[in-house]
Structure formats: structure tokens, C-alpha cells
PDB file of N, CA and C in Angstrom:
ATOM      1  N   UNK A   1      -8.017  15.166   2.585  1.00  0.00           N
ATOM      2  CA  UNK A   1      -7.437  13.891   2.268  1.00  0.00           C
ATOM      3  C   UNK A   1      -8.328  12.680   2.223  1.00  0.00           C
ATOM      4  N   UNK A   2      -7.818  11.707   1.213  1.00  0.00           N
ATOM      5  CA  UNK A   2      -8.697  10.273   1.087  1.00  0.00           C
ATOM      6  C   UNK A   2      -8.171   9.642   1.624  1.00  0.00           C
ATOM      7  N   UNK A   3      -8.953   8.824   2.613  1.00  0.00           N
ATOM      8  CA  UNK A   3      -8.160   7.346   2.976  1.00  0.00           C
ATOM      9  C   UNK A   3      -8.641   6.305   1.921  1.00  0.00           C
ATOM     10  N   UNK A   4      -7.461   5.405   1.699  1.00  0.00           N
ATOM     11  CA  UNK A   4      -7.590   4.344   0.589  1.00  0.00           C
ATOM     12  C   UNK A   4      -7.087   3.114   1.469  1.00  0.00           C
ATOM     13  N   UNK A   5      -7.734   2.144   1.250  1.00  0.00           N
ATOM     14  CA  UNK A   5      -7.765   0.685   1.686  1.00  0.00           C
ATOM     15  C   UNK A   5      -7.582  -0.338   0.551  1.00  0.00           C
ATOM     16  N   UNK A   6      -6.583  -0.829   0.640  1.00  0.00           N
ATOM     17  CA  UNK A   6      -6.441  -1.876  -0.753  1.00  0.00           C
ATOM     18  C   UNK A   6      -6.188  -3.209  -0.208  1.00  0.00           C
ATOM     19  N   UNK A   7      -6.284  -4.396  -0.898  1.00  0.00           N
ATOM     20  CA  UNK A   7      -5.731  -5.593  -0.536  1.00  0.00           C
ATOM     21  C   UNK A   7      -4.963  -6.202  -1.729  1.00  0.00           C
ATOM     22  N   UNK A   8      -3.947  -7.074  -1.484  1.00  0.00           N
ATOM     23  CA  UNK A   8      -3.292  -8.030  -2.260  1.00  0.00           C
ATOM     24  C   UNK A   8      -3.236  -9.206  -1.744  1.00  0.00           C
ATOM     25  N   UNK A   9      -2.619 -10.045  -2.588  1.00  0.00           N
ATOM     26  CA  UNK A   9      -2.373 -11.673  -1.920  1.00  0.00           C
ATOM     27  C   UNK A   9      -0.959 -11.940  -1.944  1.00  0.00           C
ATOM     28  N   UNK A  10      -0.415 -12.080  -1.096  1.00  0.00           N
ATOM     29  CA  UNK A  10       1.044 -12.612  -0.828  1.00  0.00           C
ATOM     30  C   UNK A  10       1.207 -14.061  -0.852  1.00  0.00           C
ATOM     31  N   UNK A  11       2.174 -14.822  -1.641  1.00  0.00           N
ATOM     32  CA  UNK A  11       1.983 -16.214  -1.590  1.00  0.00           C
ATOM     33  C   UNK A  11       2.644 -16.721  -0.197  1.00  0.00           C
ATOM     34  N   UNK A  12       1.652 -17.685   0.339  1.00  0.00           N
ATOM     35  CA  UNK A  12       1.680 -17.932   1.618  1.00  0.00           C
ATOM     36  C   UNK A  12       3.343 -18.560   2.060  1.00  0.00           C
ATOM     37  N   UNK A  13       3.924 -19.119   0.744  1.00  0.00           N
ATOM     38  CA  UNK A  13       5.313 -19.583   1.156  1.00  0.00           C
ATOM     39  C   UNK A  13       6.343 -18.442   1.244  1.00  0.00           C
ATOM     40  N   UNK A  14       5.895 -17.363   0.889  1.00  0.00           N
ATOM     41  CA  UNK A  14       6.839 -16.112   0.837  1.00  0.00           C
ATOM     42  C   UNK A  14       6.761 -15.277   1.905  1.00  0.00           C
ATOM     43  N   UNK A  15       5.710 -15.429   2.824  1.00  0.00           N
ATOM     44  CA  UNK A  15       5.497 -14.372   4.077  1.00  0.00           C
ATOM     45  C   UNK A  15       6.665 -14.040   4.835  1.00  0.00           C
ATOM     46  N   UNK A  16       7.571 -15.032   5.087  1.00  0.00           N
ATOM     47  CA  UNK A  16       8.617 -14.565   6.136  1.00  0.00           C
ATOM     48  C   UNK A  16       9.782 -13.602   5.358  1.00  0.00           C
ATOM     49  N   UNK A  17      10.045 -13.905   4.057  1.00  0.00           N
ATOM     50  CA  UNK A  17      10.705 -13.043   3.261  1.00  0.00           C
ATOM     51  C   UNK A  17       9.832 -11.799   3.024  1.00  0.00           C
ATOM     52  N   UNK A  18       8.779 -11.821   2.979  1.00  0.00           N
ATOM     53  CA  UNK A  18       8.066 -10.506   2.558  1.00  0.00           C
ATOM     54  C   UNK A  18       7.970  -9.591   3.654  1.00  0.00           C
ATOM     55  N   UNK A  19       7.796 -10.168   5.013  1.00  0.00           N
ATOM     56  CA  UNK A  19       8.267  -9.409   6.105  1.00  0.00           C
ATOM     57  C   UNK A  19       9.561  -8.850   6.454  1.00  0.00           C
ATOM     58  N   UNK A  20      10.617  -9.871   6.050  1.00  0.00           N
ATOM     59  CA  UNK A  20      12.005  -9.271   6.321  1.00  0.00           C
ATOM     60  C   UNK A  20      12.262  -7.970   5.205  1.00  0.00           C
ATOM     61  N   UNK A  21      11.690  -8.182   3.748  1.00  0.00           N
ATOM     62  CA  UNK A  21      12.012  -7.179   3.039  1.00  0.00           C
ATOM     63  C   UNK A  21      11.396  -5.652   3.357  1.00  0.00           C
ATOM     64  N   UNK A  22      10.348  -5.896   4.206  1.00  0.00           N
ATOM     65  CA  UNK A  22       9.603  -4.667   4.469  1.00  0.00           C
ATOM     66  C   UNK A  22      10.000  -4.002   5.648  1.00  0.00           C
ATOM     67  N   UNK A  23      10.903  -4.672   6.448  1.00  0.00           N
ATOM     68  CA  UNK A  23      11.689  -4.461   7.714  1.00  0.00           C
ATOM     69  C   UNK A  23      12.458  -3.137   7.487  1.00  0.00           C
ATOM     70  N   UNK A  24      13.062  -3.194   6.406  1.00  0.00           N
ATOM     71  CA  UNK A  24      14.108  -2.380   5.964  1.00  0.00           C
ATOM     72  C   UNK A  24      13.918  -1.837   4.731  1.00  0.00           C
ATOM     73  N   UNK A  25      12.874  -0.988   4.302  1.00  0.00           N
ATOM     74  CA  UNK A  25      12.764  -0.667   2.847  1.00  0.00           C
ATOM     75  C   UNK A  25      13.622   0.448   2.389  1.00  0.00           C
ATOM     76  N   UNK A  26      14.235   0.279   1.351  1.00  0.00           N
ATOM     77  CA  UNK A  26      15.233   1.347   1.001  1.00  0.00           C
ATOM     78  C   UNK A  26      14.828   2.783   1.020  1.00  0.00           C
ATOM     79  N   UNK A  27      15.728   3.472   1.698  1.00  0.00           N
ATOM     80  CA  UNK A  27      15.446   5.009   1.825  1.00  0.00           C
ATOM     81  C   UNK A  27      14.829   5.651   0.830  1.00  0.00           C
ATOM     82  N   UNK A  28      15.571   5.346  -0.424  1.00  0.00           N
ATOM     83  CA  UNK A  28      15.058   6.102  -1.478  1.00  0.00           C
ATOM     84  C   UNK A  28      13.543   5.884  -2.194  1.00  0.00           C
ATOM     85  N   UNK A  29      12.950   4.682  -1.704  1.00  0.00           N
ATOM     86  CA  UNK A  29      11.711   4.068  -1.774  1.00  0.00           C
ATOM     87  C   UNK A  29      10.973   4.846  -0.755  1.00  0.00           C
ATOM     88  N   UNK A  30      11.255   5.114   0.351  1.00  0.00           N
ATOM     89  CA  UNK A  30      10.549   5.752   1.293  1.00  0.00           C
ATOM     90  C   UNK A  30      10.252   7.120   0.834  1.00  0.00           C
ATOM     91  N   UNK A  31      11.475   7.777   0.434  1.00  0.00           N
ATOM     92  CA  UNK A  31      11.229   9.284   0.117  1.00  0.00           C
ATOM     93  C   UNK A  31      10.429   9.540  -1.246  1.00  0.00           C
ATOM     94  N   UNK A  32      10.554   8.207  -2.100  1.00  0.00           N
ATOM     95  CA  UNK A  32       9.614   8.418  -3.245  1.00  0.00           C
ATOM     96  C   UNK A  32       8.121   8.132  -3.036  1.00  0.00           C
ATOM     97  N   UNK A  33       7.819   7.531  -1.982  1.00  0.00           N
ATOM     98  CA  UNK A  33       6.283   7.412  -1.509  1.00  0.00           C
ATOM     99  C   UNK A  33       6.138   8.608  -0.931  1.00  0.00           C
ATOM    100  N   UNK A  34       6.941   9.333   0.162  1.00  0.00           N
ATOM    101  CA  UNK A  34       6.420  10.474   0.453  1.00  0.00           C
ATOM    102  C   UNK A  34       6.263  11.608  -0.328  1.00  0.00           C
ATOM    103  N   UNK A  35       6.952  11.637  -1.353  1.00  0.00           N
ATOM    104  CA  UNK A  35       7.202  12.874  -2.334  1.00  0.00           C
ATOM    105  C   UNK A  35       6.001  12.690  -3.207  1.00  0.00           C
ATOM    106  N   UNK A  36       5.570  11.502  -3.662  1.00  0.00           N
ATOM    107  CA  UNK A  36       4.421  11.145  -4.251  1.00  0.00           C
ATOM    108  C   UNK A  36       3.105  11.433  -3.949  1.00  0.00           C
ATOM    109  N   UNK A  37       3.083  11.596  -2.656  1.00  0.00           N
ATOM    110  CA  UNK A  37       1.939  11.809  -1.889  1.00  0.00           C
ATOM    111  C   UNK A  37       1.114  10.825  -1.081  1.00  0.00           C
ATOM    112  N   UNK A  38       2.079   9.817  -0.895  1.00  0.00           N
ATOM    113  CA  UNK A  38       1.542   8.530   0.047  1.00  0.00           C
ATOM    114  C   UNK A  38       1.765   9.027   1.554  1.00  0.00           C
ATOM    115  N   UNK A  39       0.835   9.006   2.368  1.00  0.00           N
ATOM    116  CA  UNK A  39       1.083   9.472   3.872  1.00  0.00           C
ATOM    117  C   UNK A  39       0.364   8.699   4.582  1.00  0.00           C
ATOM    118  N   UNK A  40       0.989   8.347   5.634  1.00  0.00           N
ATOM    119  CA  UNK A  40       0.417   7.406   6.822  1.00  0.00           C
ATOM    120  C   UNK A  40       0.259   6.097   6.112  1.00  0.00           C
ATOM    121  N   UNK A  41       1.108   5.697   5.416  1.00  0.00           N
ATOM    122  CA  UNK A  41       1.177   4.501   4.653  1.00  0.00           C
ATOM    123  C   UNK A  41       1.331   3.273   5.551  1.00  0.00           C
ATOM    124  N   UNK A  42       0.602   2.169   5.467  1.00  0.00           N
ATOM    125  CA  UNK A  42       0.903   1.106   6.545  1.00  0.00           C
ATOM    126  C   UNK A  42       0.296   0.094   5.673  1.00  0.00           C
ATOM    127  N   UNK A  43       1.217  -1.165   5.744  1.00  0.00           N
ATOM    128  CA  UNK A  43       0.800  -2.555   5.439  1.00  0.00           C
ATOM    129  C   UNK A  43       0.569  -3.528   6.517  1.00  0.00           C
ATOM    130  N   UNK A  44      -0.568  -4.307   6.427  1.00  0.00           N
ATOM    131  CA  UNK A  44      -0.862  -5.377   7.188  1.00  0.00           C
ATOM    132  C   UNK A  44      -0.921  -6.604   6.609  1.00  0.00           C
ATOM    133  N   UNK A  45      -0.389  -7.792   7.187  1.00  0.00           N
ATOM    134  CA  UNK A  45      -0.231  -9.164   6.754  1.00  0.00           C
ATOM    135  C   UNK A  45      -0.707 -10.317   7.457  1.00  0.00           C
ATOM    136  N   UNK A  46      -1.786 -10.541   6.925  1.00  0.00           N
ATOM    137  CA  UNK A  46      -2.307 -11.930   7.587  1.00  0.00           C
ATOM    138  C   UNK A  46      -1.792 -13.259   7.380  1.00  0.00           C
ATOM    139  N   UNK A  47      -1.603 -14.045   8.402  1.00  0.00           N
ATOM    140  CA  UNK A  47      -1.040 -15.354   8.230  1.00  0.00           C
ATOM    141  C   UNK A  47      -1.404 -16.184   6.966  1.00  0.00           C
ATOM    142  N   UNK A  48      -2.283 -15.984   6.292  1.00  0.00           N
ATOM    143  CA  UNK A  48      -2.640 -16.478   5.042  1.00  0.00           C
ATOM    144  C   UNK A  48      -2.325 -15.876   3.831  1.00  0.00           C
ATOM    145  N   UNK A  49      -1.688 -14.789   3.878  1.00  0.00           N
ATOM    146  CA  UNK A  49      -1.115 -13.846   2.875  1.00  0.00           C
ATOM    147  C   UNK A  49      -1.950 -12.833   2.484  1.00  0.00           C
ATOM    148  N   UNK A  50      -2.918 -12.689   3.161  1.00  0.00           N
ATOM    149  CA  UNK A  50      -3.772 -11.449   2.856  1.00  0.00           C
ATOM    150  C   UNK A  50      -3.090 -10.337   3.028  1.00  0.00           C
ATOM    151  N   UNK A  51      -2.821  -9.164   2.311  1.00  0.00           N
ATOM    152  CA  UNK A  51      -2.195  -8.138   2.525  1.00  0.00           C
ATOM    153  C   UNK A  51      -3.165  -6.838   2.470  1.00  0.00           C
ATOM    154  N   UNK A  52      -3.183  -6.247   3.500  1.00  0.00           N
ATOM    155  CA  UNK A  52      -3.976  -4.772   3.515  1.00  0.00           C
ATOM    156  C   UNK A  52      -3.348  -3.720   3.698  1.00  0.00           C
ATOM    157  N   UNK A  53      -3.512  -2.718   2.669  1.00  0.00           N
ATOM    158  CA  UNK A  53      -2.668  -1.571   2.775  1.00  0.00           C
ATOM    159  C   UNK A  53      -3.685  -0.445   2.952  1.00  0.00           C
ATOM    160  N   UNK A  54      -2.989   0.603   3.590  1.00  0.00           N
ATOM    161  CA  UNK A  54      -4.022   1.868   4.124  1.00  0.00           C
ATOM    162  C   UNK A  54      -2.777   3.350   4.077  1.00  0.00           C
ATOM    163  N   UNK A  55      -3.552   4.190   3.141  1.00  0.00           N
ATOM    164  CA  UNK A  55      -2.887   5.475   3.200  1.00  0.00           C
ATOM    165  C   UNK A  55      -3.900   6.448   3.054  1.00  0.00           C
ATOM    166  N   UNK A  56      -3.201   7.798   3.350  1.00  0.00           N
ATOM    167  CA  UNK A  56      -3.988   8.858   3.113  1.00  0.00           C
ATOM    168  C   UNK A  56      -3.309   9.554   1.896  1.00  0.00           C
ATOM    169  N   UNK A  57      -4.084  10.054   0.997  1.00  0.00           N
ATOM    170  CA  UNK A  57      -3.832  10.906  -0.291  1.00  0.00           C
ATOM    171  C   UNK A  57      -4.696  11.876  -0.580  1.00  0.00           C
ATOM    172  N   UNK A  58      -4.254  12.829  -1.413  1.00  0.00           N
ATOM    173  CA  UNK A  58      -5.000  13.741  -2.187  1.00  0.00           C
ATOM    174  C   UNK A  58      -5.629  13.109  -3.094  1.00  0.00           C
ATOM    175  N   UNK A  59      -5.078  12.440  -3.847  1.00  0.00           N
ATOM    176  CA  UNK A  59      -5.402  11.872  -5.215  1.00  0.00           C
ATOM    177  C   UNK A  59      -4.770  10.534  -5.454  1.00  0.00           C
ATOM    178  N   UNK A  60      -5.441   9.298  -5.139  1.00  0.00           N
ATOM    179  CA  UNK A  60      -4.672   8.008  -5.214  1.00  0.00           C
ATOM    180  C   UNK A  60      -4.157   7.792  -6.573  1.00  0.00           C
ATOM    181  N   UNK A  61      -4.875   7.986  -7.657  1.00  0.00           N
ATOM    182  CA  UNK A  61      -4.498   7.766  -9.033  1.00  0.00           C
ATOM    183  C   UNK A  61      -3.135   8.786  -9.389  1.00  0.00           C
ATOM    184  N   UNK A  62      -3.348   9.810  -8.897  1.00  0.00           N
ATOM    185  CA  UNK A  62      -2.139  10.692  -8.955  1.00  0.00           C
ATOM    186  C   UNK A  62      -0.922  10.411  -8.181  1.00  0.00           C
ATOM    187  N   UNK A  63      -1.222   9.663  -7.130  1.00  0.00           N
ATOM    188  CA  UNK A  63      -0.043   9.108  -6.290  1.00  0.00           C
ATOM    189  C   UNK A  63       0.607   7.912  -6.952  1.00  0.00           C
ATOM    190  N   UNK A  64      -0.331   7.026  -7.461  1.00  0.00           N
ATOM    191  CA  UNK A  64       0.065   5.743  -8.065  1.00  0.00           C
ATOM    192  C   UNK A  64       1.006   6.180  -9.278  1.00  0.00           C
ATOM    193  N   UNK A  65       0.357   6.880 -10.190  1.00  0.00           N
ATOM    194  CA  UNK A  65       1.183   7.552 -11.385  1.00  0.00           C
ATOM    195  C   UNK A  65       2.646   8.211 -10.938  1.00  0.00           C
ATOM    196  N   UNK A  66       2.589   8.735  -9.955  1.00  0.00           N
ATOM    197  CA  UNK A  66       4.038   9.583  -9.598  1.00  0.00           C
ATOM    198  C   UNK A  66       4.865   8.425  -9.162  1.00  0.00           C
ATOM    199  N   UNK A  67       4.601   7.330  -8.435  1.00  0.00           N
ATOM    200  CA  UNK A  67       5.256   6.271  -8.058  1.00  0.00           C
ATOM    201  C   UNK A  67       5.598   5.654  -9.326  1.00  0.00           C
ATOM    202  N   UNK A  68       4.785   5.061 -10.391  1.00  0.00           N
ATOM    203  CA  UNK A  68       5.144   4.269 -11.478  1.00  0.00           C
ATOM    204  C   UNK A  68       6.073   5.255 -12.364  1.00  0.00           C
ATOM    205  N   UNK A  69       6.246   6.666 -12.364  1.00  0.00           N
ATOM    206  CA  UNK A  69       7.131   7.314 -13.024  1.00  0.00           C
ATOM    207  C   UNK A  69       8.547   7.277 -12.206  1.00  0.00           C
ATOM    208  N   UNK A  70       8.771   6.418 -11.257  1.00  0.00           N
ATOM    209  CA  UNK A  70      10.208   6.574 -10.749  1.00  0.00           C
ATOM    210  C   UNK A  70      10.764   5.290 -11.096  1.00  0.00           C
ATOM    211  N   UNK A  71      12.144   5.340 -11.042  1.00  0.00           N
ATOM    212  CA  UNK A  71      13.194   4.486 -11.412  1.00  0.00           C
ATOM    213  C   UNK A  71      13.128   3.502 -10.104  1.00  0.00           C
ATOM    214  N   UNK A  72      13.358   4.126  -8.852  1.00  0.00           N
ATOM    215  CA  UNK A  72      13.293   3.220  -7.591  1.00  0.00           C
ATOM    216  C   UNK A  72      11.784   2.366  -7.444  1.00  0.00           C
ATOM    217  N   UNK A  73      10.744   2.675  -7.995  1.00  0.00           N
ATOM    218  CA  UNK A  73       9.512   1.862  -8.101  1.00  0.00           C
ATOM    219  C   UNK A  73       9.390   0.952  -8.862  1.00  0.00           C
ATOM    220  N   UNK A  74      10.024   1.204 -10.068  1.00  0.00           N
ATOM    221  CA  UNK A  74      10.347  -0.010 -11.146  1.00  0.00           C
ATOM    222  C   UNK A  74      11.175  -1.000 -10.409  1.00  0.00           C
ATOM    223  N   UNK A  75      12.240  -0.725  -9.989  1.00  0.00           N
ATOM    224  CA  UNK A  75      13.278  -1.560  -9.530  1.00  0.00           C
ATOM    225  C   UNK A  75      12.577  -2.307  -8.149  1.00  0.00           C
ATOM    226  N   UNK A  76      11.887  -1.484  -7.278  1.00  0.00           N
ATOM    227  CA  UNK A  76      11.182  -2.360  -6.156  1.00  0.00           C
ATOM    228  C   UNK A  76      10.259  -3.391  -6.697  1.00  0.00           C
ATOM    229  N   UNK A  77       9.434  -2.888  -7.627  1.00  0.00           N
ATOM    230  CA  UNK A  77       8.276  -3.740  -7.962  1.00  0.00           C
ATOM    231  C   UNK A  77       8.894  -4.854  -8.860  1.00  0.00           C
ATOM    232  N   UNK A  78       9.767  -4.965  -9.435  1.00  0.00           N
ATOM    233  CA  UNK A  78      10.353  -6.042 -10.164  1.00  0.00           C
ATOM    234  C   UNK A  78      10.944  -6.999  -9.132  1.00  0.00           C
ATOM    235  N   UNK A  79      11.550  -6.757  -7.961  1.00  0.00           N
ATOM    236  CA  UNK A  79      11.973  -7.610  -6.947  1.00  0.00           C
ATOM    237  C   UNK A  79      10.920  -8.246  -6.408  1.00  0.00           C
ATOM    238  N   UNK A  80       9.781  -7.321  -6.157  1.00  0.00           N
ATOM    239  CA  UNK A  80       8.457  -7.458  -5.220  1.00  0.00           C
ATOM    240  C   UNK A  80       7.709  -8.673  -5.831  1.00  0.00           C
ATOM    241  N   UNK A  81       7.536  -8.588  -7.435  1.00  0.00           N
ATOM    242  CA  UNK A  81       6.576  -9.323  -8.296  1.00  0.00           C
ATOM    243  C   UNK A  81       6.500 -10.832  -7.866  1.00  0.00           C
ATOM    244  N   UNK A  82       7.421 -11.428  -7.288  1.00  0.00           N
ATOM    245  CA  UNK A  82       7.425 -12.739  -7.091  1.00  0.00           C
ATOM    246  C   UNK A  82       6.897 -12.971  -5.968  1.00  0.00           C
ATOM    247  N   UNK A  83       6.383 -12.167  -5.090  1.00  0.00           N
ATOM    248  CA  UNK A  83       5.656 -12.469  -3.879  1.00  0.00           C
ATOM    249  C   UNK A  83       4.292 -12.556  -4.000  1.00  0.00           C
ATOM    250  N   UNK A  84       3.813 -12.073  -5.201  1.00  0.00           N
ATOM    251  CA  UNK A  84       2.105 -11.837  -5.156  1.00  0.00           C
ATOM    252  C   UNK A  84       1.402 -13.124  -5.932  1.00  0.00           C
ATOM    253  N   UNK A  85       0.348 -13.260  -5.718  1.00  0.00           N
ATOM    254  CA  UNK A  85      -0.631 -14.223  -6.545  1.00  0.00           C
ATOM    255  C   UNK A  85      -1.538 -13.197  -7.122  1.00  0.00           C
ATOM    256  N   UNK A  86      -1.652 -13.478  -8.611  1.00  0.00           N
ATOM    257  CA  UNK A  86      -2.207 -12.554  -9.284  1.00  0.00           C
ATOM    258  C   UNK A  86      -1.625 -11.303  -9.824  1.00  0.00           C
ATOM    259  N   UNK A  87      -0.366 -11.119  -9.587  1.00  0.00           N
ATOM    260  CA  UNK A  87       0.360 -10.034  -9.849  1.00  0.00           C
ATOM    261  C   UNK A  87       0.067  -8.823  -8.602  1.00  0.00           C
ATOM    262  N   UNK A  88       0.560  -7.765  -8.962  1.00  0.00           N
ATOM    263  CA  UNK A  88       0.281  -6.550  -8.226  1.00  0.00           C
ATOM    264  C   UNK A  88      -0.585  -6.007  -8.445  1.00  0.00           C
ATOM    265  N   UNK A  89      -2.052  -6.310  -8.250  1.00  0.00           N
ATOM    266  CA  UNK A  89      -3.166  -5.712  -8.588  1.00  0.00           C
ATOM    267  C   UNK A  89      -4.108  -5.374  -7.492  1.00  0.00           C
ATOM    268  N   UNK A  90      -4.014  -4.021  -7.106  1.00  0.00           N
ATOM    269  CA  UNK A  90      -4.461  -3.548  -5.947  1.00  0.00           C
ATOM    270  C   UNK A  90      -6.134  -3.768  -6.082  1.00  0.00           C
ATOM    271  N   UNK A  91      -6.750  -4.159  -5.110  1.00  0.00           N
ATOM    272  CA  UNK A  91      -8.395  -4.357  -5.076  1.00  0.00           C
ATOM    273  C   UNK A  91      -8.440  -2.966  -3.850  1.00  0.00           C
ATOM    274  N   UNK A  92      -9.259  -2.052  -4.333  1.00  0.00           N
ATOM    275  CA  UNK A  92      -9.471  -0.866  -3.521  1.00  0.00           C
ATOM    276  C   UNK A  92     -10.512  -1.163  -2.978  1.00  0.00           C
ATOM    277  N   UNK A  93     -10.735  -0.918  -1.381  1.00  0.00           N
ATOM    278  CA  UNK A  93     -12.341  -1.391  -1.102  1.00  0.00           C
ATOM    279  C   UNK A  93     -12.851  -0.085  -0.632  1.00  0.00           C
ATOM    280  N   UNK A  94     -14.026  -0.097  -0.617  1.00  0.00           N
ATOM    281  CA  UNK A  94     -15.111   1.149  -0.365  1.00  0.00           C
ATOM    282  C   UNK A  94     -14.945   1.244   1.047  1.00  0.00           C
ATOM    283  N   UNK A  95     -15.054   2.439   1.623  1.00  0.00           N
ATOM    284  CA  UNK A  95     -15.261   2.820   3.225  1.00  0.00           C
ATOM    285  C   UNK A  95     -16.508   3.055   3.116  1.00  0.00           C
ATOM    286  N   UNK A  96     -17.110   2.033   4.117  1.00  0.00           N
ATOM    287  CA  UNK A  96     -18.520   2.001   4.258  1.00  0.00           C
ATOM    288  C   UNK A  96     -18.709   2.530   5.600  1.00  0.00           C
ATOM    289  N   UNK A  97     -17.964   2.967   6.527  1.00  0.00           N
ATOM    290  CA  UNK A  97     -18.156   3.622   7.906  1.00  0.00           C
ATOM    291  C   UNK A  97     -16.891   4.202   8.299  1.00  0.00           C
ATOM    292  N   UNK A  98     -17.047   5.500   8.967  1.00  0.00           N
ATOM    293  CA  UNK A  98     -15.948   6.242   9.779  1.00  0.00           C
ATOM    294  C   UNK A  98     -16.540   6.890  11.022  1.00  0.00           C
ATOM    295  N   UNK A  99     -16.172   6.735  12.021  1.00  0.00           N
ATOM    296  CA  UNK A  99     -16.508   7.087  13.305  1.00  0.00           C
ATOM    297  C   UNK A  99     -16.421   8.449  13.240  1.00  0.00           C
ATOM    298  N   UNK A 100     -15.117   9.275  12.981  1.00  0.00           N
ATOM    299  CA  UNK A 100     -15.258  10.500  13.056  1.00  0.00           C
ATOM    300  C   UNK A 100     -16.142  11.328  12.130  1.00  0.00           C
ATOM    301  N   UNK A 101     -16.510  10.702  10.889  1.00  0.00           N
ATOM    302  CA  UNK A 101     -17.681  11.554  10.184  1.00  0.00           C
ATOM    303  C   UNK A 101     -18.800  11.549  10.877  1.00  0.00           C
ATOM    304  N   UNK A 102     -19.280  10.485  11.327  1.00  0.00           N
ATOM    305  CA  UNK A 102     -20.630   9.912  11.854  1.00  0.00           C
ATOM    306  C   UNK A 102     -20.603  11.122  12.989  1.00  0.00           C
ATOM    307  N   UNK A 103     -19.647  10.883  13.994  1.00  0.00           N
ATOM    308  CA  UNK A 103     -19.629  11.718  15.167  1.00  0.00           C
ATOM    309  C   UNK A 103     -19.939  13.338  14.562  1.00  0.00           C
ATOM    310  N   UNK A 104     -19.046  13.681  13.608  1.00  0.00           N
ATOM    311  CA  UNK A 104     -19.027  14.930  13.311  1.00  0.00           C
ATOM    312  C   UNK A 104     -20.715  15.314  12.729  1.00  0.00           C
ATOM    313  N   UNK A 105     -21.125  14.556  12.127  1.00  0.00           N
ATOM    314  CA  UNK A 105     -22.399  14.723  11.486  1.00  0.00           C
ATOM    315  C   UNK A 105     -23.763  14.955  12.780  1.00  0.00           C
ATOM    316  N   UNK A 106     -23.246  14.418  13.734  1.00  0.00           N
ATOM    317  CA  UNK A 106     -24.199  14.678  14.963  1.00  0.00           C
ATOM    318  C   UNK A 106     -24.158  15.909  15.623  1.00  0.00           C
ATOM    319  N   UNK A 107     -22.837  16.708  15.571  1.00  0.00           N
ATOM    320  CA  UNK A 107     -22.735  17.806  16.005  1.00  0.00           C
ATOM    321  C   UNK A 107     -23.219  19.217  15.293  1.00  0.00           C
TER     322      UNK A 107
END
């Protein structure tokens, strides 16, 4: 499994509503994410709107494409588009340190 971390920027004046919408994500959206290969998926939101996402997946491009092909994702993204600065453009971060990997290399 590959760990993926990405960032997005939520409009500062929309933070409360963004949190409310994510407190109860549609069950069909949750199932679609699971079925598309998004595992251990979490979002973290800073007070200035920085959104950090984290997930495990076998193939991130395939997991994104599987979601893009669903009707529920199209509906969800249409509703969420107004929350983001510069659209829904994921900035994927490079992993530069992993404790378990380095500890494993020592053994």
C-alpha cells in the first residue's frame, strides 16, 4: 500500500460549513471511496483553511479515476467546489521520512 498525503486550500470564510458537511458524509460517498480503493482516508483542516488529506491505496491514480467515474462523486464534487481556492487541485506531497521504514532497515 502506498501512503498518499495531499493538500488543498479551503476558503477561510467557509471553514465551519466545510466541517459540518464532512461530519456526515453521504453513505453512498463513503462506500464509493472504499470501493475505489481509498483506505484509512482522513482529512485535517487548519484554521487558515489548509486542508491535508491522507490515505492508503494500491494505486492513487487508479483510485482517483475510479472515483471520477462515479455519479456520487460528481454530485459531491459539484457541491464542494465552492469551498476551495484554486479549485480541487490536489498537491501531492513527497514522503521524506517514515519511522517504520527506517526502523525496519536497521534490523
